[in-house]
Amino acid sequence: MSKKARLILAMVIIEGALAGIWWYLASYGAANPDRVTADFQGVVGQAMGTAMGGLLGLGLILFVVAARNDRKAAQQKARH
């Protein structure tokens, strides 16, 4: 499996886990309005959105690096 494919798989799993946490917190806040603050939904949305967006940006940079490493490995394999 190429490094690009492994990175995509890892990013999908991590983003899915973050989305699951986001879903859990949002449903918890909706189900228990007396146990959370009034701005709970907004804070959760902003925090989780920032985390997921930042991870996606980092994933894009890592994808470019992985693609370059895959090309280098293919060239090395072709030489030998």
PDB file of N, CA and C in Angstrom:
ATOM      1  N   MET A   1       0.849  -1.168   0.000  1.00  0.00           N
ATOM      2  CA  MET A   1       0.000   0.000   0.000  1.00  0.00           C
ATOM      3  C   MET A   1       0.896   1.234   0.000  1.00  0.00           C
ATOM      4  N   SER A   2       0.590   2.177  -0.855  1.00  0.00           N
ATOM      5  CA  SER A   2       1.417   3.369  -0.964  1.00  0.00           C
ATOM      6  C   SER A   2       1.234   4.265   0.264  1.00  0.00           C
ATOM      7  N   LYS A   3       2.162   5.165   0.427  1.00  0.00           N
ATOM      8  CA  LYS A   3       2.087   6.085   1.566  1.00  0.00           C
ATOM      9  C   LYS A   3       0.888   7.015   1.427  1.00  0.00           C
ATOM     10  N   LYS A   4       0.551   7.379   0.189  1.00  0.00           N
ATOM     11  CA  LYS A   4      -0.627   8.224  -0.025  1.00  0.00           C
ATOM     12  C   LYS A   4      -1.893   7.510   0.432  1.00  0.00           C
ATOM     13  N   ALA A   5      -2.019   6.250   0.070  1.00  0.00           N
ATOM     14  CA  ALA A   5      -3.210   5.484   0.441  1.00  0.00           C
ATOM     15  C   ALA A   5      -3.299   5.310   1.957  1.00  0.00           C
ATOM     16  N   ARG A   6      -2.172   5.035   2.592  1.00  0.00           N
ATOM     17  CA  ARG A   6      -2.171   4.891   4.046  1.00  0.00           C
ATOM     18  C   ARG A   6      -2.561   6.197   4.731  1.00  0.00           C
ATOM     19  N   LEU A   7      -2.059   7.305   4.194  1.00  0.00           N
ATOM     20  CA  LEU A   7      -2.385   8.609   4.765  1.00  0.00           C
ATOM     21  C   LEU A   7      -3.869   8.911   4.605  1.00  0.00           C
ATOM     22  N   ILE A   8      -4.421   8.643   3.436  1.00  0.00           N
ATOM     23  CA  ILE A   8      -5.845   8.889   3.222  1.00  0.00           C
ATOM     24  C   ILE A   8      -6.677   8.039   4.171  1.00  0.00           C
ATOM     25  N   LEU A   9      -6.321   6.790   4.315  1.00  0.00           N
ATOM     26  CA  LEU A   9      -7.054   5.902   5.224  1.00  0.00           C
ATOM     27  C   LEU A   9      -6.979   6.413   6.667  1.00  0.00           C
ATOM     28  N   ALA A  10      -5.800   6.806   7.098  1.00  0.00           N
ATOM     29  CA  ALA A  10      -5.638   7.327   8.462  1.00  0.00           C
ATOM     30  C   ALA A  10      -6.440   8.614   8.661  1.00  0.00           C
ATOM     31  N   MET A  11      -6.426   9.490   7.670  1.00  0.00           N
ATOM     32  CA  MET A  11      -7.164  10.742   7.784  1.00  0.00           C
ATOM     33  C   MET A  11      -8.671  10.494   7.843  1.00  0.00           C
ATOM     34  N   VAL A  12      -9.161   9.556   7.057  1.00  0.00           N
ATOM     35  CA  VAL A  12     -10.592   9.239   7.086  1.00  0.00           C
ATOM     36  C   VAL A  12     -10.989   8.693   8.456  1.00  0.00           C
ATOM     37  N   ILE A  13     -10.159   7.826   9.013  1.00  0.00           N
ATOM     38  CA  ILE A  13     -10.462   7.256  10.329  1.00  0.00           C
ATOM     39  C   ILE A  13     -10.440   8.334  11.409  1.00  0.00           C
ATOM     40  N   ILE A  14      -9.425   9.185  11.401  1.00  0.00           N
ATOM     41  CA  ILE A  14      -9.313  10.228  12.422  1.00  0.00           C
ATOM     42  C   ILE A  14     -10.438  11.251  12.276  1.00  0.00           C
ATOM     43  N   GLU A  15     -10.714  11.688  11.040  1.00  0.00           N
ATOM     44  CA  GLU A  15     -11.807  12.644  10.826  1.00  0.00           C
ATOM     45  C   GLU A  15     -13.147  12.026  11.222  1.00  0.00           C
ATOM     46  N   GLY A  16     -13.319  10.738  10.953  1.00  0.00           N
ATOM     47  CA  GLY A  16     -14.545  10.060  11.364  1.00  0.00           C
ATOM     48  C   GLY A  16     -14.686  10.024  12.877  1.00  0.00           C
ATOM     49  N   ALA A  17     -13.583   9.777  13.564  1.00  0.00           N
ATOM     50  CA  ALA A  17     -13.613   9.773  15.029  1.00  0.00           C
ATOM     51  C   ALA A  17     -13.950  11.167  15.569  1.00  0.00           C
ATOM     52  N   LEU A  18     -13.351  12.198  14.985  1.00  0.00           N
ATOM     53  CA  LEU A  18     -13.661  13.561  15.418  1.00  0.00           C
ATOM     54  C   LEU A  18     -15.124  13.908  15.131  1.00  0.00           C
ATOM     55  N   ALA A  19     -15.639  13.474  13.995  1.00  0.00           N
ATOM     56  CA  ALA A  19     -17.048  13.718  13.682  1.00  0.00           C
ATOM     57  C   ALA A  19     -17.949  12.986  14.675  1.00  0.00           C
ATOM     58  N   GLY A  20     -17.557  11.788  15.082  1.00  0.00           N
ATOM     59  CA  GLY A  20     -18.325  11.046  16.077  1.00  0.00           C
ATOM     60  C   GLY A  20     -18.341  11.754  17.418  1.00  0.00           C
ATOM     61  N   ILE A  21     -17.200  12.296  17.817  1.00  0.00           N
ATOM     62  CA  ILE A  21     -17.130  13.049  19.073  1.00  0.00           C
ATOM     63  C   ILE A  21     -18.008  14.290  18.974  1.00  0.00           C
ATOM     64  N   TRP A  22     -17.938  14.957  17.831  1.00  0.00           N
ATOM     65  CA  TRP A  22     -18.755  16.150  17.610  1.00  0.00           C
ATOM     66  C   TRP A  22     -20.239  15.800  17.707  1.00  0.00           C
ATOM     67  N   TRP A  23     -20.626  14.719  17.047  1.00  0.00           N
ATOM     68  CA  TRP A  23     -22.026  14.277  17.079  1.00  0.00           C
ATOM     69  C   TRP A  23     -22.463  13.960  18.513  1.00  0.00           C
ATOM     70  N   TYR A  24     -21.615  13.258  19.245  1.00  0.00           N
ATOM     71  CA  TYR A  24     -21.940  12.911  20.632  1.00  0.00           C
ATOM     72  C   TYR A  24     -22.130  14.167  21.479  1.00  0.00           C
ATOM     73  N   LEU A  25     -21.194  15.104  21.378  1.00  0.00           N
ATOM     74  CA  LEU A  25     -21.294  16.320  22.196  1.00  0.00           C
ATOM     75  C   LEU A  25     -22.512  17.152  21.805  1.00  0.00           C
ATOM     76  N   ALA A  26     -22.795  17.236  20.517  1.00  0.00           N
ATOM     77  CA  ALA A  26     -23.961  18.012  20.078  1.00  0.00           C
ATOM     78  C   ALA A  26     -25.256  17.368  20.574  1.00  0.00           C
ATOM     79  N   SER A  27     -25.344  16.055  20.481  1.00  0.00           N
ATOM     80  CA  SER A  27     -26.562  15.392  20.946  1.00  0.00           C
ATOM     81  C   SER A  27     -26.669  15.442  22.472  1.00  0.00           C
ATOM     82  N   TYR A  28     -25.544  15.395  23.162  1.00  0.00           N
ATOM     83  CA  TYR A  28     -25.556  15.523  24.625  1.00  0.00           C
ATOM     84  C   TYR A  28     -26.076  16.902  25.028  1.00  0.00           C
ATOM     85  N   GLY A  29     -25.578  17.923  24.355  1.00  0.00           N
ATOM     86  CA  GLY A  29     -26.029  19.276  24.667  1.00  0.00           C
ATOM     87  C   GLY A  29     -27.498  19.485  24.373  1.00  0.00           C
ATOM     88  N   ALA A  30     -27.977  18.872  23.289  1.00  0.00           N
ATOM     89  CA  ALA A  30     -29.396  19.008  22.940  1.00  0.00           C
ATOM     90  C   ALA A  30     -30.278  18.221  23.902  1.00  0.00           C
ATOM     91  N   ALA A  31     -29.802  17.084  24.374  1.00  0.00           N
ATOM     92  CA  ALA A  31     -30.598  16.244  25.267  1.00  0.00           C
ATOM     93  C   ALA A  31     -30.585  16.742  26.713  1.00  0.00           C
ATOM     94  N   ASN A  32     -29.550  17.481  27.067  1.00  0.00           N
ATOM     95  CA  ASN A  32     -29.406  17.950  28.457  1.00  0.00           C
ATOM     96  C   ASN A  32     -29.191  19.463  28.503  1.00  0.00           C
ATOM     97  N   PRO A  33     -30.187  20.237  28.107  1.00  0.00           N
ATOM     98  CA  PRO A  33     -29.972  21.694  28.080  1.00  0.00           C
ATOM     99  C   PRO A  33     -29.784  22.305  29.472  1.00  0.00           C
ATOM    100  N   ASP A  34     -30.251  21.617  30.506  1.00  0.00           N
ATOM    101  CA  ASP A  34     -30.085  22.145  31.860  1.00  0.00           C
ATOM    102  C   ASP A  34     -28.695  21.877  32.435  1.00  0.00           C
ATOM    103  N   ARG A  35     -27.924  21.003  31.790  1.00  0.00           N
ATOM    104  CA  ARG A  35     -26.591  20.658  32.304  1.00  0.00           C
ATOM    105  C   ARG A  35     -25.462  21.359  31.554  1.00  0.00           C
ATOM    106  N   VAL A  36     -25.780  22.085  30.493  1.00  0.00           N
ATOM    107  CA  VAL A  36     -24.753  22.777  29.697  1.00  0.00           C
ATOM    108  C   VAL A  36     -25.077  24.269  29.660  1.00  0.00           C
ATOM    109  N   THR A  37     -24.079  25.059  29.288  1.00  0.00           N
ATOM    110  CA  THR A  37     -24.295  26.508  29.196  1.00  0.00           C
ATOM    111  C   THR A  37     -25.078  26.837  27.931  1.00  0.00           C
ATOM    112  N   ALA A  38     -25.528  28.059  27.856  1.00  0.00           N
ATOM    113  CA  ALA A  38     -26.354  28.488  26.728  1.00  0.00           C
ATOM    114  C   ALA A  38     -25.577  28.479  25.410  1.00  0.00           C
ATOM    115  N   ASP A  39     -24.289  28.743  25.472  1.00  0.00           N
ATOM    116  CA  ASP A  39     -23.489  28.790  24.244  1.00  0.00           C
ATOM    117  C   ASP A  39     -22.735  27.482  23.984  1.00  0.00           C
ATOM    118  N   PHE A  40     -23.157  26.398  24.588  1.00  0.00           N
ATOM    119  CA  PHE A  40     -22.468  25.109  24.460  1.00  0.00           C
ATOM    120  C   PHE A  40     -22.391  24.641  23.009  1.00  0.00           C
ATOM    121  N   GLN A  41     -23.511  24.698  22.288  1.00  0.00           N
ATOM    122  CA  GLN A  41     -23.532  24.215  20.906  1.00  0.00           C
ATOM    123  C   GLN A  41     -22.568  25.008  20.029  1.00  0.00           C
ATOM    124  N   GLY A  42     -22.539  26.304  20.213  1.00  0.00           N
ATOM    125  CA  GLY A  42     -21.638  27.143  19.424  1.00  0.00           C
ATOM    126  C   GLY A  42     -20.176  26.874  19.729  1.00  0.00           C
ATOM    127  N   VAL A  43     -19.884  26.706  21.001  1.00  0.00           N
ATOM    128  CA  VAL A  43     -18.499  26.439  21.406  1.00  0.00           C
ATOM    129  C   VAL A  43     -18.039  25.078  20.887  1.00  0.00           C
ATOM    130  N   VAL A  44     -18.903  24.080  21.018  1.00  0.00           N
ATOM    131  CA  VAL A  44     -18.553  22.742  20.521  1.00  0.00           C
ATOM    132  C   VAL A  44     -18.361  22.783  19.006  1.00  0.00           C
ATOM    133  N   GLY A  45     -19.266  23.439  18.304  1.00  0.00           N
ATOM    134  CA  GLY A  45     -19.161  23.528  16.852  1.00  0.00           C
ATOM    135  C   GLY A  45     -17.899  24.235  16.409  1.00  0.00           C
ATOM    136  N   GLN A  46     -17.575  25.320  17.071  1.00  0.00           N
ATOM    137  CA  GLN A  46     -16.376  26.063  16.707  1.00  0.00           C
ATOM    138  C   GLN A  46     -15.107  25.272  17.020  1.00  0.00           C
ATOM    139  N   ALA A  47     -15.057  24.655  18.192  1.00  0.00           N
ATOM    140  CA  ALA A  47     -13.866  23.903  18.580  1.00  0.00           C
ATOM    141  C   ALA A  47     -13.652  22.682  17.684  1.00  0.00           C
ATOM    142  N   MET A  48     -14.705  21.920  17.458  1.00  0.00           N
ATOM    143  CA  MET A  48     -14.566  20.711  16.649  1.00  0.00           C
ATOM    144  C   MET A  48     -14.344  21.061  15.183  1.00  0.00           C
ATOM    145  N   GLY A  49     -14.992  22.116  14.706  1.00  0.00           N
ATOM    146  CA  GLY A  49     -14.761  22.551  13.332  1.00  0.00           C
ATOM    147  C   GLY A  49     -13.324  23.000  13.116  1.00  0.00           C
ATOM    148  N   THR A  50     -12.784  23.694  14.082  1.00  0.00           N
ATOM    149  CA  THR A  50     -11.390  24.127  14.005  1.00  0.00           C
ATOM    150  C   THR A  50     -10.450  22.930  14.028  1.00  0.00           C
ATOM    151  N   ALA A  51     -10.725  21.983  14.906  1.00  0.00           N
ATOM    152  CA  ALA A  51      -9.875  20.793  15.001  1.00  0.00           C
ATOM    153  C   ALA A  51      -9.909  19.996  13.697  1.00  0.00           C
ATOM    154  N   MET A  52     -11.102  19.799  13.156  1.00  0.00           N
ATOM    155  CA  MET A  52     -11.223  19.020  11.928  1.00  0.00           C
ATOM    156  C   MET A  52     -10.611  19.758  10.740  1.00  0.00           C
ATOM    157  N   GLY A  53     -10.805  21.064  10.669  1.00  0.00           N
ATOM    158  CA  GLY A  53     -10.223  21.854   9.584  1.00  0.00           C
ATOM    159  C   GLY A  53      -8.704  21.890   9.657  1.00  0.00           C
ATOM    160  N   GLY A  54      -8.188  22.063  10.864  1.00  0.00           N
ATOM    161  CA  GLY A  54      -6.733  22.069  11.032  1.00  0.00           C
ATOM    162  C   GLY A  54      -6.114  20.734  10.666  1.00  0.00           C
ATOM    163  N   LEU A  55      -6.769  19.662  11.069  1.00  0.00           N
ATOM    164  CA  LEU A  55      -6.268  18.334  10.732  1.00  0.00           C
ATOM    165  C   LEU A  55      -6.323  18.092   9.229  1.00  0.00           C
ATOM    166  N   LEU A  56      -7.381  18.585   8.591  1.00  0.00           N
ATOM    167  CA  LEU A  56      -7.489  18.427   7.141  1.00  0.00           C
ATOM    168  C   LEU A  56      -6.391  19.214   6.428  1.00  0.00           C
ATOM    169  N   GLY A  57      -6.084  20.409   6.908  1.00  0.00           N
ATOM    170  CA  GLY A  57      -4.994  21.193   6.330  1.00  0.00           C
ATOM    171  C   GLY A  57      -3.655  20.500   6.497  1.00  0.00           C
ATOM    172  N   LEU A  58      -3.412  19.959   7.681  1.00  0.00           N
ATOM    173  CA  LEU A  58      -2.182  19.207   7.923  1.00  0.00           C
ATOM    174  C   LEU A  58      -2.140  17.967   7.041  1.00  0.00           C
ATOM    175  N   GLY A  59      -3.290  17.325   6.869  1.00  0.00           N
ATOM    176  CA  GLY A  59      -3.362  16.147   6.016  1.00  0.00           C
ATOM    177  C   GLY A  59      -3.019  16.463   4.570  1.00  0.00           C
ATOM    178  N   LEU A  60      -3.425  17.642   4.099  1.00  0.00           N
ATOM    179  CA  LEU A  60      -3.092  18.043   2.729  1.00  0.00           C
ATOM    180  C   LEU A  60      -1.584  18.191   2.559  1.00  0.00           C
ATOM    181  N   ILE A  61      -0.945  18.819   3.526  1.00  0.00           N
ATOM    182  CA  ILE A  61       0.515  18.969   3.468  1.00  0.00           C
ATOM    183  C   ILE A  61       1.187  17.594   3.517  1.00  0.00           C
ATOM    184  N   LEU A  62       0.713  16.736   4.409  1.00  0.00           N
ATOM    185  CA  LEU A  62       1.291  15.391   4.515  1.00  0.00           C
ATOM    186  C   LEU A  62       1.047  14.575   3.248  1.00  0.00           C
ATOM    187  N   PHE A  63      -0.077  14.806   2.569  1.00  0.00           N
ATOM    188  CA  PHE A  63      -0.370  14.104   1.324  1.00  0.00           C
ATOM    189  C   PHE A  63       0.637  14.484   0.248  1.00  0.00           C
ATOM    190  N   VAL A  64       0.972  15.760   0.155  1.00  0.00           N
ATOM    191  CA  VAL A  64       1.962  16.203  -0.827  1.00  0.00           C
ATOM    192  C   VAL A  64       3.317  15.568  -0.529  1.00  0.00           C
ATOM    193  N   VAL A  65       3.686  15.516   0.735  1.00  0.00           N
ATOM    194  CA  VAL A  65       4.959  14.896   1.125  1.00  0.00           C
ATOM    195  C   VAL A  65       4.936  13.397   0.820  1.00  0.00           C
ATOM    196  N   ALA A  66       3.826  12.732   1.101  1.00  0.00           N
ATOM    197  CA  ALA A  66       3.710  11.297   0.835  1.00  0.00           C
ATOM    198  C   ALA A  66       3.780  11.014  -0.664  1.00  0.00           C
ATOM    199  N   ALA A  67       3.159  11.858  -1.469  1.00  0.00           N
ATOM    200  CA  ALA A  67       3.220  11.683  -2.926  1.00  0.00           C
ATOM    201  C   ALA A  67       4.652  11.825  -3.423  1.00  0.00           C
ATOM    202  N   ARG A  68       5.372  12.795  -2.876  1.00  0.00           N
ATOM    203  CA  ARG A  68       6.771  12.980  -3.268  1.00  0.00           C
ATOM    204  C   ARG A  68       7.608  11.769  -2.863  1.00  0.00           C
ATOM    205  N   ASN A  69       7.367  11.254  -1.663  1.00  0.00           N
ATOM    206  CA  ASN A  69       8.108  10.080  -1.205  1.00  0.00           C
ATOM    207  C   ASN A  69       7.769   8.844  -2.031  1.00  0.00           C
ATOM    208  N   ASP A  70       6.514   8.718  -2.445  1.00  0.00           N
ATOM    209  CA  ASP A  70       6.133   7.596  -3.322  1.00  0.00           C
ATOM    210  C   ASP A  70       6.848   7.687  -4.666  1.00  0.00           C
ATOM    211  N   ARG A  71       6.929   8.901  -5.209  1.00  0.00           N
ATOM    212  CA  ARG A  71       7.641   9.080  -6.489  1.00  0.00           C
ATOM    213  C   ARG A  71       9.122   8.748  -6.347  1.00  0.00           C
ATOM    214  N   LYS A  72       9.732   9.193  -5.256  1.00  0.00           N
ATOM    215  CA  LYS A  72      11.150   8.893  -5.022  1.00  0.00           C
ATOM    216  C   LYS A  72      11.375   7.393  -4.893  1.00  0.00           C
ATOM    217  N   ALA A  73      10.490   6.713  -4.171  1.00  0.00           N
ATOM    218  CA  ALA A  73      10.626   5.269  -3.992  1.00  0.00           C
ATOM    219  C   ALA A  73      10.455   4.540  -5.323  1.00  0.00           C
ATOM    220  N   ALA A  74       9.535   5.008  -6.173  1.00  0.00           N
ATOM    221  CA  ALA A  74       9.334   4.376  -7.479  1.00  0.00           C
ATOM    222  C   ALA A  74      10.557   4.580  -8.368  1.00  0.00           C
ATOM    223  N   GLN A  75      11.165   5.753  -8.289  1.00  0.00           N
ATOM    224  CA  GLN A  75      12.373   6.005  -9.078  1.00  0.00           C
ATOM    225  C   GLN A  75      13.527   5.145  -8.588  1.00  0.00           C
ATOM    226  N   GLN A  76      13.655   4.993  -7.288  1.00  0.00           N
ATOM    227  CA  GLN A  76      14.714   4.164  -6.734  1.00  0.00           C
ATOM    228  C   GLN A  76      14.516   2.699  -7.150  1.00  0.00           C
ATOM    229  N   LYS A  77      13.273   2.255  -7.130  1.00  0.00           N
ATOM    230  CA  LYS A  77      12.960   0.879  -7.511  1.00  0.00           C
ATOM    231  C   LYS A  77      13.243   0.656  -8.987  1.00  0.00           C
ATOM    232  N   ALA A  78      12.981   1.673  -9.812  1.00  0.00           N
ATOM    233  CA  ALA A  78      13.215   1.548 -11.260  1.00  0.00           C
ATOM    234  C   ALA A  78      14.705   1.507 -11.575  1.00  0.00           C
ATOM    235  N   ARG A  79      15.510   2.150 -10.786  1.00  0.00           N
ATOM    236  CA  ARG A  79      16.961   2.172 -11.018  1.00  0.00           C
ATOM    237  C   ARG A  79      17.598   0.825 -10.680  1.00  0.00           C
ATOM    238  N   HIS A  80      17.051   0.122  -9.703  1.00  0.00           N
ATOM    239  CA  HIS A  80      17.668  -1.128  -9.244  1.00  0.00           C
ATOM    240  C   HIS A  80      16.973  -2.323  -9.754  1.00  0.00           C
TER     241      HIS A  80
END
